[in-house]
Amino acid sequence: MTRLFTAFLAVLFAVPVWAADVDADGLHKVDWYQDTWKDLQEDFATAKEEGKRLLIIVEQRGCIYCREMHETSFKDEKVRARLTEDYYPIRINLHGATEMVDTDGEAMEERAAARKWGVMFTPTMIFMPPDLDEETSAIRQAVAVMPGAFKPGTTYDLLTWVLEERYLDQSEEDFQRYHARMIRERRAEQGD
């Protein structure tokens, strides 16, 4: 019984060490999310002024996959550097009531935008193009959409693939093939 109680206390006190911080909405709190009015046209203009790409990350309260993403992929040094140096990330709450403006100028609550965009899974990363069409919604002009939490290598490769505009490449190297090549190259560098 003593061992069980000791194990329980160990787990109880270990949780704050590894748990990601959350804000009052129950969403993950990170210093690199841009605190904006969620007017995507303005956010896009700011991102462009800073020489960055607008990245929309949709999360929800209690999302275990969002927690996994924050505790693994987003803590990876290479991923974090890419996110902060090359992207302008904003967070949208899948069920949020905060007013926002889509890239097409339509004002609505975050949850209405998520429905409009067909986002059903969190986290979802929506990568915007380098030039904005103010007549088109964010999801219709996104150059890539990544639903789900992926390991740091996959996340880094997608961030790089979008940044390098490889989605414009009409050859046989789509993201999956690009990612497979990056895995092979990393293994070769490590001598595997």
Protein backbone atom coordinates (compact mmCIF):
# COMPACT_ATOMS: atom_id res chain seq x y z
CA MET A 1 0.00 0.00 0.00
CA THR A 2 2.88 2.34 0.82
CA ARG A 3 4.40 1.78 -2.63
CA LEU A 4 1.10 2.56 -4.33
CA PHE A 5 0.72 5.76 -2.30
CA THR A 6 4.32 6.77 -3.04
CA ALA A 7 3.81 6.12 -6.76
CA PHE A 8 0.62 8.21 -6.70
CA LEU A 9 2.44 11.12 -5.04
CA ALA A 10 5.31 10.87 -7.52
CA VAL A 11 2.91 11.12 -10.45
CA LEU A 12 0.93 13.91 -8.80
CA PHE A 13 4.01 16.04 -8.23
CA ALA A 14 5.58 15.22 -11.61
CA VAL A 15 2.63 16.49 -13.64
CA PRO A 16 3.45 20.21 -13.30
CA VAL A 17 7.01 19.54 -14.49
CA TRP A 18 5.99 18.17 -17.89
CA ALA A 19 2.56 19.71 -18.43
CA ALA A 20 2.32 22.54 -20.94
CA ASP A 21 0.99 25.85 -19.58
CA VAL A 22 -2.60 26.71 -20.46
CA ASP A 23 -4.42 30.02 -20.31
CA ALA A 24 -7.88 30.84 -18.90
CA ASP A 25 -9.53 29.36 -22.03
CA GLY A 26 -7.71 26.07 -21.45
CA LEU A 27 -5.57 26.61 -24.54
CA HIS A 28 -1.80 26.32 -24.57
CA LYS A 29 0.14 29.41 -23.65
CA VAL A 30 3.36 30.05 -25.55
CA ASP A 31 5.28 33.29 -25.97
CA TRP A 32 5.61 32.95 -29.74
CA TYR A 33 1.88 33.01 -30.56
CA GLN A 34 1.10 36.46 -31.89
CA ASP A 35 -1.41 38.34 -29.74
CA THR A 36 -3.60 39.96 -32.37
CA TRP A 37 -7.19 41.10 -32.93
CA LYS A 38 -7.54 38.04 -35.19
CA ASP A 39 -8.18 40.13 -38.29
CA LEU A 40 -6.45 37.81 -40.74
CA GLN A 41 -6.03 40.53 -43.35
CA GLU A 42 -4.19 42.72 -40.82
CA ASP A 43 -2.27 39.69 -39.49
CA PHE A 44 -1.21 38.82 -43.02
CA ALA A 45 0.00 42.39 -43.64
CA THR A 46 2.00 42.38 -40.39
CA ALA A 47 3.52 39.00 -41.20
CA LYS A 48 4.51 40.23 -44.66
CA GLU A 49 6.06 43.41 -43.21
CA GLU A 50 8.16 41.21 -40.93
CA GLY A 51 9.19 38.96 -43.82
CA LYS A 52 7.26 36.02 -42.40
CA ARG A 53 4.50 33.64 -43.48
CA LEU A 54 1.12 33.71 -41.71
CA LEU A 55 0.39 30.42 -39.95
CA ILE A 56 -2.98 29.76 -38.35
CA ILE A 57 -3.02 27.08 -35.65
CA VAL A 58 -6.45 25.82 -34.56
CA GLU A 59 -6.62 24.29 -31.09
CA GLN A 60 -9.29 23.45 -28.52
CA ARG A 61 -9.57 23.14 -24.76
CA GLY A 62 -8.49 19.77 -23.39
CA CYS A 63 -7.00 18.60 -26.69
CA ILE A 64 -4.52 15.83 -25.88
CA TYR A 65 -3.01 16.07 -29.35
CA CYS A 66 -2.47 19.81 -28.94
CA ARG A 67 -0.71 19.09 -25.64
CA GLU A 68 1.47 16.50 -27.39
CA MET A 69 2.35 18.99 -30.11
CA HIS A 70 3.31 21.65 -27.54
CA GLU A 71 5.28 19.23 -25.36
CA THR A 72 7.23 17.55 -28.17
CA SER A 73 7.29 19.21 -31.60
CA PHE A 74 7.05 22.83 -30.50
CA LYS A 75 9.75 22.34 -27.85
CA ASP A 76 12.21 21.04 -30.44
CA GLU A 77 14.87 23.72 -31.01
CA LYS A 78 14.80 23.49 -34.82
CA VAL A 79 11.00 23.60 -34.95
CA ARG A 80 10.83 26.50 -32.50
CA ALA A 81 13.45 28.45 -34.44
CA ARG A 82 11.60 27.92 -37.72
CA LEU A 83 8.27 28.93 -36.12
CA THR A 84 9.61 32.10 -34.58
CA GLU A 85 12.02 33.25 -37.28
CA ASP A 86 10.03 32.46 -40.42
CA TYR A 87 6.37 32.32 -39.42
CA TYR A 88 3.81 34.60 -37.83
CA PRO A 89 1.70 32.08 -35.89
CA ILE A 90 -1.72 32.95 -34.52
CA ARG A 91 -4.02 30.66 -32.59
CA ILE A 92 -7.71 30.15 -33.26
CA ASN A 93 -9.95 28.39 -30.73
CA LEU A 94 -12.05 25.71 -32.45
CA HIS A 95 -14.97 26.49 -30.10
CA GLY A 96 -14.08 30.11 -29.34
CA ALA A 97 -16.52 33.01 -29.34
CA THR A 98 -13.88 35.69 -30.00
CA GLU A 99 -14.74 37.81 -33.02
CA MET A 100 -12.31 37.54 -35.90
CA VAL A 101 -12.09 38.45 -39.57
CA ASP A 102 -11.34 35.85 -42.25
CA THR A 103 -8.97 36.68 -45.12
CA ASP A 104 -12.02 37.37 -47.33
CA GLY A 105 -13.16 40.11 -44.92
CA GLU A 106 -16.04 38.15 -43.36
CA ALA A 107 -16.38 38.85 -39.63
CA MET A 108 -17.45 35.96 -37.41
CA GLU A 109 -16.64 34.11 -34.21
CA GLU A 110 -13.67 31.73 -34.17
CA ARG A 111 -15.99 28.70 -33.99
CA ALA A 112 -17.88 29.90 -37.08
CA ALA A 113 -14.59 30.28 -38.95
CA ALA A 114 -13.57 26.75 -37.97
CA ARG A 115 -16.89 25.44 -39.33
CA LYS A 116 -16.53 27.54 -42.49
CA TRP A 117 -13.04 26.14 -43.01
CA GLY A 118 -14.15 22.56 -42.34
CA VAL A 119 -11.72 22.15 -39.42
CA MET A 120 -12.86 19.15 -37.41
CA PHE A 121 -9.63 18.07 -35.76
CA THR A 122 -7.16 19.78 -33.50
CA PRO A 123 -4.49 20.77 -33.77
CA THR A 124 -4.74 21.93 -37.37
CA MET A 125 -2.05 24.10 -38.91
CA ILE A 126 -3.16 26.26 -41.86
CA PHE A 127 -0.29 27.67 -43.94
CA MET A 128 -1.06 30.84 -45.85
CA PRO A 129 0.48 31.79 -49.21
CA PRO A 130 3.05 34.58 -49.61
CA ASP A 131 0.43 36.78 -51.33
CA LEU A 132 -3.11 37.21 -50.02
CA ASP A 133 -6.31 37.14 -52.07
CA GLU A 134 -8.69 39.31 -50.05
CA GLU A 135 -11.68 37.83 -51.89
CA THR A 136 -10.97 34.25 -50.75
CA SER A 137 -11.29 32.58 -47.34
CA ALA A 138 -8.17 31.39 -45.54
CA ILE A 139 -8.81 27.70 -46.10
CA ARG A 140 -9.45 28.10 -49.85
CA GLN A 141 -6.10 29.81 -50.40
CA ALA A 142 -4.04 27.83 -47.89
CA VAL A 143 -0.98 26.25 -49.50
CA ALA A 144 -0.95 23.39 -46.97
CA VAL A 145 -3.11 22.17 -44.12
CA MET A 146 -1.75 19.82 -41.46
CA PRO A 147 -4.41 18.29 -39.20
CA GLY A 148 -2.92 16.47 -36.25
CA ALA A 149 0.12 16.45 -34.01
CA PHE A 150 3.24 15.10 -35.66
CA LYS A 151 6.73 14.38 -34.43
CA PRO A 152 9.30 17.18 -34.57
CA GLY A 153 10.93 15.89 -37.78
CA THR A 154 7.65 15.85 -39.71
CA THR A 155 6.65 19.25 -38.35
CA TYR A 156 10.02 20.76 -39.21
CA ASP A 157 9.95 19.28 -42.70
CA LEU A 158 6.48 20.71 -43.36
CA LEU A 159 7.48 24.14 -42.06
CA THR A 160 10.51 24.03 -44.38
CA TRP A 161 8.56 22.60 -47.35
CA VAL A 162 6.05 25.46 -47.14
CA LEU A 163 8.70 28.12 -46.53
CA GLU A 164 10.65 26.98 -49.59
CA GLU A 165 7.40 26.95 -51.62
CA ARG A 166 7.93 23.33 -52.62
CA TYR A 167 4.14 23.01 -53.00
CA LEU A 168 4.62 24.85 -56.31
CA ASP A 169 6.90 22.07 -57.57
CA GLN A 170 4.91 20.06 -60.08
CA SER A 171 7.43 17.23 -60.17
CA GLU A 172 7.01 13.93 -58.38
CA GLU A 173 8.25 15.24 -55.00
CA ASP A 174 5.12 16.07 -53.04
CA PHE A 175 5.40 16.57 -49.28
CA GLN A 176 5.42 12.85 -48.45
CA ARG A 177 8.29 12.18 -50.84
CA TYR A 178 10.14 15.28 -49.66
CA HIS A 179 9.72 14.18 -46.05
CA ALA A 180 10.95 10.64 -46.86
CA ARG A 181 14.03 12.14 -48.56
CA MET A 182 14.72 14.35 -45.53
CA ILE A 183 14.50 11.30 -43.23
CA ARG A 184 17.00 9.44 -45.42
CA GLU A 185 19.35 12.45 -45.47
CA ARG A 186 19.21 12.85 -41.67
CA ARG A 187 19.95 9.14 -41.22
CA ALA A 188 22.87 9.34 -43.64
CA GLU A 189 24.29 12.30 -41.69
CA GLN A 190 24.05 10.31 -38.47
CA GLY A 191 25.75 7.32 -40.06
CA ASP A 192 22.77 4.94 -39.76
